[in-house]
Amino acid sequence: MMKRINTPQRKKEMRNAPFVFNPADWYGFFAQQGWQQREVRYTFEESEKLGRQIPLPWIGKVLMRLFPKSQNELKNLMGYVVLEPKK
């Protein structure tokens, strides 16, 4: 993830708000703070549940139609983890 964020162009765009949080082990970091993973949600799946498509550039829409098998791979690229306090 940080490879995409740390490109020269992205650094220039984000010079006033640099992305600096990048633990080597994300789950381990939050576990040390007293949190555990409850579930993983993927952005594409959540948007489908809500009936709100994720805005894609025109080329993204074309590629999704041309390569429907790749949709499953793309759908799992963006998501988030729901955390809960350790029990």
N, C-alpha and C. Protein backbone atom coordinates (compact mmCIF):
# COMPACT_ATOMS: atom_id res chain seq x y z
N MET A 1 0.82 -1.19 0.00
CA MET A 1 0.00 0.00 0.00
C MET A 1 0.86 1.25 0.00
N MET A 2 1.90 1.27 0.78
CA MET A 2 2.71 2.48 0.90
C MET A 2 3.47 2.78 -0.39
N LYS A 3 3.68 1.77 -1.25
CA LYS A 3 4.35 2.03 -2.51
C LYS A 3 3.55 3.00 -3.35
N ARG A 4 2.24 2.84 -3.36
CA ARG A 4 1.38 3.75 -4.12
C ARG A 4 1.29 5.12 -3.46
N ILE A 5 1.31 5.14 -2.16
CA ILE A 5 1.18 6.40 -1.44
C ILE A 5 2.47 7.21 -1.51
N ASN A 6 3.60 6.53 -1.55
CA ASN A 6 4.89 7.22 -1.51
C ASN A 6 5.48 7.56 -2.88
N THR A 7 4.67 7.62 -3.92
CA THR A 7 5.18 8.04 -5.22
C THR A 7 5.46 9.54 -5.17
N PRO A 8 6.39 10.04 -5.97
CA PRO A 8 6.68 11.48 -5.95
C PRO A 8 5.44 12.34 -6.22
N GLN A 9 4.61 11.91 -7.15
CA GLN A 9 3.40 12.68 -7.47
C GLN A 9 2.46 12.73 -6.26
N ARG A 10 2.26 11.58 -5.63
CA ARG A 10 1.35 11.53 -4.47
C ARG A 10 1.91 12.34 -3.31
N LYS A 11 3.22 12.28 -3.09
CA LYS A 11 3.82 13.07 -2.02
C LYS A 11 3.61 14.56 -2.26
N LYS A 12 3.72 14.96 -3.53
CA LYS A 12 3.50 16.37 -3.88
C LYS A 12 2.05 16.76 -3.60
N GLU A 13 1.12 15.90 -4.01
CA GLU A 13 -0.30 16.18 -3.79
C GLU A 13 -0.66 16.23 -2.31
N MET A 14 0.03 15.44 -1.50
CA MET A 14 -0.31 15.35 -0.08
C MET A 14 0.71 16.05 0.82
N ARG A 15 1.42 17.00 0.27
CA ARG A 15 2.50 17.63 1.04
C ARG A 15 2.00 18.28 2.33
N ASN A 16 0.76 18.75 2.36
CA ASN A 16 0.22 19.37 3.57
C ASN A 16 -0.42 18.37 4.52
N ALA A 17 -0.58 17.13 4.06
CA ALA A 17 -1.18 16.09 4.89
C ALA A 17 -0.53 14.75 4.58
N PRO A 18 0.74 14.60 4.89
CA PRO A 18 1.44 13.36 4.53
C PRO A 18 0.88 12.17 5.29
N PHE A 19 0.94 11.02 4.65
CA PHE A 19 0.50 9.76 5.25
C PHE A 19 1.70 9.16 5.96
N VAL A 20 1.68 9.15 7.29
CA VAL A 20 2.85 8.69 8.04
C VAL A 20 2.60 7.45 8.89
N PHE A 21 1.36 7.05 9.05
CA PHE A 21 1.05 5.88 9.87
C PHE A 21 1.18 4.63 9.02
N ASN A 22 2.17 3.79 9.32
CA ASN A 22 2.37 2.58 8.54
C ASN A 22 3.08 1.51 9.37
N PRO A 23 2.34 0.90 10.32
CA PRO A 23 2.98 -0.16 11.11
C PRO A 23 3.28 -1.37 10.23
N ALA A 24 4.34 -2.09 10.55
CA ALA A 24 4.71 -3.28 9.79
C ALA A 24 3.64 -4.36 9.92
N ASP A 25 3.04 -4.48 11.09
CA ASP A 25 1.99 -5.47 11.34
C ASP A 25 0.76 -4.73 11.86
N TRP A 26 -0.18 -4.46 10.98
CA TRP A 26 -1.37 -3.68 11.35
C TRP A 26 -2.16 -4.36 12.45
N TYR A 27 -2.44 -5.64 12.30
CA TYR A 27 -3.23 -6.34 13.31
C TYR A 27 -2.48 -6.40 14.64
N GLY A 28 -1.18 -6.62 14.57
CA GLY A 28 -0.37 -6.65 15.78
C GLY A 28 -0.36 -5.32 16.50
N PHE A 29 -0.28 -4.24 15.74
CA PHE A 29 -0.30 -2.90 16.34
C PHE A 29 -1.58 -2.68 17.14
N PHE A 30 -2.73 -2.98 16.52
CA PHE A 30 -4.00 -2.76 17.22
C PHE A 30 -4.21 -3.76 18.34
N ALA A 31 -3.67 -4.97 18.22
CA ALA A 31 -3.75 -5.94 19.31
C ALA A 31 -3.01 -5.43 20.53
N GLN A 32 -1.86 -4.80 20.32
CA GLN A 32 -1.09 -4.23 21.44
C GLN A 32 -1.86 -3.10 22.12
N GLN A 33 -2.76 -2.47 21.39
CA GLN A 33 -3.55 -1.37 21.95
C GLN A 33 -4.84 -1.87 22.60
N GLY A 34 -5.05 -3.20 22.56
CA GLY A 34 -6.23 -3.79 23.21
C GLY A 34 -7.40 -4.04 22.29
N TRP A 35 -7.17 -4.12 20.99
CA TRP A 35 -8.24 -4.34 20.02
C TRP A 35 -8.05 -5.66 19.30
N GLN A 36 -9.16 -6.21 18.82
CA GLN A 36 -9.12 -7.42 18.01
C GLN A 36 -10.07 -7.25 16.82
N GLN A 37 -9.80 -8.02 15.78
CA GLN A 37 -10.62 -7.97 14.57
C GLN A 37 -11.97 -8.63 14.82
N ARG A 38 -13.04 -7.93 14.49
CA ARG A 38 -14.37 -8.54 14.55
C ARG A 38 -14.78 -9.03 13.17
N GLU A 39 -14.55 -8.20 12.15
CA GLU A 39 -14.88 -8.61 10.79
C GLU A 39 -14.17 -7.71 9.79
N VAL A 40 -14.06 -8.21 8.56
CA VAL A 40 -13.51 -7.45 7.45
C VAL A 40 -14.65 -7.16 6.49
N ARG A 41 -14.78 -5.91 6.10
CA ARG A 41 -15.80 -5.52 5.13
C ARG A 41 -15.10 -4.95 3.90
N TYR A 42 -15.61 -5.35 2.74
CA TYR A 42 -15.03 -4.86 1.49
C TYR A 42 -15.92 -3.77 0.91
N THR A 43 -15.29 -2.71 0.47
CA THR A 43 -16.00 -1.52 0.02
C THR A 43 -16.98 -1.82 -1.10
N PHE A 44 -16.58 -2.62 -2.09
CA PHE A 44 -17.48 -2.93 -3.20
C PHE A 44 -18.71 -3.68 -2.72
N GLU A 45 -18.52 -4.65 -1.82
CA GLU A 45 -19.66 -5.41 -1.31
C GLU A 45 -20.61 -4.52 -0.52
N GLU A 46 -20.05 -3.65 0.30
CA GLU A 46 -20.88 -2.75 1.09
C GLU A 46 -21.64 -1.78 0.20
N SER A 47 -20.99 -1.30 -0.86
CA SER A 47 -21.68 -0.37 -1.75
C SER A 47 -22.83 -1.07 -2.48
N GLU A 48 -22.64 -2.34 -2.83
CA GLU A 48 -23.72 -3.10 -3.47
C GLU A 48 -24.89 -3.29 -2.50
N LYS A 49 -24.59 -3.59 -1.23
CA LYS A 49 -25.64 -3.76 -0.23
C LYS A 49 -26.47 -2.48 -0.08
N LEU A 50 -25.78 -1.34 -0.14
CA LEU A 50 -26.45 -0.05 0.02
C LEU A 50 -27.07 0.48 -1.27
N GLY A 51 -26.79 -0.20 -2.38
CA GLY A 51 -27.31 0.26 -3.66
C GLY A 51 -26.64 1.52 -4.16
N ARG A 52 -25.40 1.73 -3.77
CA ARG A 52 -24.65 2.92 -4.18
C ARG A 52 -23.34 2.47 -4.79
N GLN A 53 -23.21 2.64 -6.09
CA GLN A 53 -21.99 2.21 -6.77
C GLN A 53 -20.82 3.12 -6.43
N ILE A 54 -19.65 2.53 -6.37
CA ILE A 54 -18.44 3.30 -6.17
C ILE A 54 -18.12 4.02 -7.47
N PRO A 55 -17.88 5.33 -7.42
CA PRO A 55 -17.55 6.03 -8.65
C PRO A 55 -16.20 5.58 -9.20
N LEU A 56 -16.21 5.19 -10.44
CA LEU A 56 -14.99 4.77 -11.12
C LEU A 56 -14.74 5.68 -12.32
N PRO A 57 -13.48 5.89 -12.68
CA PRO A 57 -13.22 6.62 -13.92
C PRO A 57 -13.74 5.79 -15.10
N TRP A 58 -13.96 6.42 -16.21
CA TRP A 58 -14.55 5.73 -17.37
C TRP A 58 -13.74 4.50 -17.76
N ILE A 59 -12.42 4.58 -17.66
CA ILE A 59 -11.59 3.43 -18.04
C ILE A 59 -11.82 2.25 -17.10
N GLY A 60 -12.06 2.54 -15.83
CA GLY A 60 -12.35 1.49 -14.86
C GLY A 60 -13.64 0.77 -15.19
N LYS A 61 -14.66 1.54 -15.61
CA LYS A 61 -15.94 0.93 -15.98
C LYS A 61 -15.79 0.04 -17.21
N VAL A 62 -15.00 0.50 -18.18
CA VAL A 62 -14.78 -0.29 -19.38
C VAL A 62 -14.05 -1.58 -19.04
N LEU A 63 -13.01 -1.48 -18.22
CA LEU A 63 -12.24 -2.67 -17.85
C LEU A 63 -13.09 -3.67 -17.07
N MET A 64 -13.97 -3.18 -16.23
CA MET A 64 -14.82 -4.08 -15.45
C MET A 64 -15.75 -4.87 -16.38
N ARG A 65 -16.19 -4.23 -17.46
CA ARG A 65 -17.07 -4.92 -18.42
C ARG A 65 -16.28 -5.90 -19.29
N LEU A 66 -15.06 -5.51 -19.65
CA LEU A 66 -14.25 -6.36 -20.52
C LEU A 66 -13.70 -7.58 -19.79
N PHE A 67 -13.40 -7.41 -18.52
CA PHE A 67 -12.77 -8.49 -17.74
C PHE A 67 -13.60 -8.78 -16.49
N PRO A 68 -14.78 -9.39 -16.66
CA PRO A 68 -15.63 -9.62 -15.49
C PRO A 68 -14.99 -10.51 -14.43
N LYS A 69 -14.08 -11.42 -14.83
CA LYS A 69 -13.43 -12.28 -13.84
C LYS A 69 -12.56 -11.46 -12.89
N SER A 70 -12.01 -10.35 -13.39
CA SER A 70 -11.14 -9.54 -12.56
C SER A 70 -11.92 -8.76 -11.50
N GLN A 71 -13.24 -8.69 -11.65
CA GLN A 71 -14.04 -7.96 -10.68
C GLN A 71 -13.86 -8.52 -9.28
N ASN A 72 -13.80 -9.85 -9.16
CA ASN A 72 -13.63 -10.44 -7.84
C ASN A 72 -12.32 -10.02 -7.20
N GLU A 73 -11.25 -9.94 -8.00
CA GLU A 73 -9.96 -9.51 -7.48
C GLU A 73 -10.01 -8.03 -7.09
N LEU A 74 -10.62 -7.22 -7.94
CA LEU A 74 -10.70 -5.79 -7.67
C LEU A 74 -11.58 -5.49 -6.46
N LYS A 75 -12.62 -6.28 -6.29
CA LYS A 75 -13.54 -6.04 -5.17
C LYS A 75 -12.86 -6.20 -3.83
N ASN A 76 -11.80 -6.98 -3.76
CA ASN A 76 -11.13 -7.22 -2.49
C ASN A 76 -9.91 -6.32 -2.28
N LEU A 77 -9.73 -5.33 -3.14
CA LEU A 77 -8.60 -4.42 -2.97
C LEU A 77 -8.87 -3.33 -1.94
N MET A 78 -10.13 -2.94 -1.81
CA MET A 78 -10.47 -1.86 -0.89
C MET A 78 -11.41 -2.39 0.18
N GLY A 79 -11.11 -2.07 1.40
CA GLY A 79 -11.97 -2.51 2.47
C GLY A 79 -11.53 -1.93 3.80
N TYR A 80 -12.16 -2.40 4.83
CA TYR A 80 -11.80 -1.94 6.17
C TYR A 80 -12.11 -3.04 7.18
N VAL A 81 -11.49 -2.91 8.31
CA VAL A 81 -11.63 -3.89 9.39
C VAL A 81 -12.42 -3.26 10.52
N VAL A 82 -13.41 -3.99 10.99
CA VAL A 82 -14.16 -3.55 12.16
C VAL A 82 -13.47 -4.15 13.38
N LEU A 83 -13.05 -3.30 14.29
CA LEU A 83 -12.35 -3.74 15.49
C LEU A 83 -13.28 -3.69 16.70
N GLU A 84 -12.95 -4.49 17.70
CA GLU A 84 -13.67 -4.46 18.97
C GLU A 84 -12.65 -4.65 20.09
N PRO A 85 -12.98 -4.21 21.28
CA PRO A 85 -12.05 -4.42 22.39
C PRO A 85 -11.82 -5.90 22.64
N LYS A 86 -10.60 -6.23 23.03
CA LYS A 86 -10.29 -7.63 23.35
C LYS A 86 -11.13 -8.06 24.53
N LYS A 87 -11.52 -9.31 24.48
CA LYS A 87 -12.35 -9.85 25.59
C LYS A 87 -11.49 -10.54 26.59
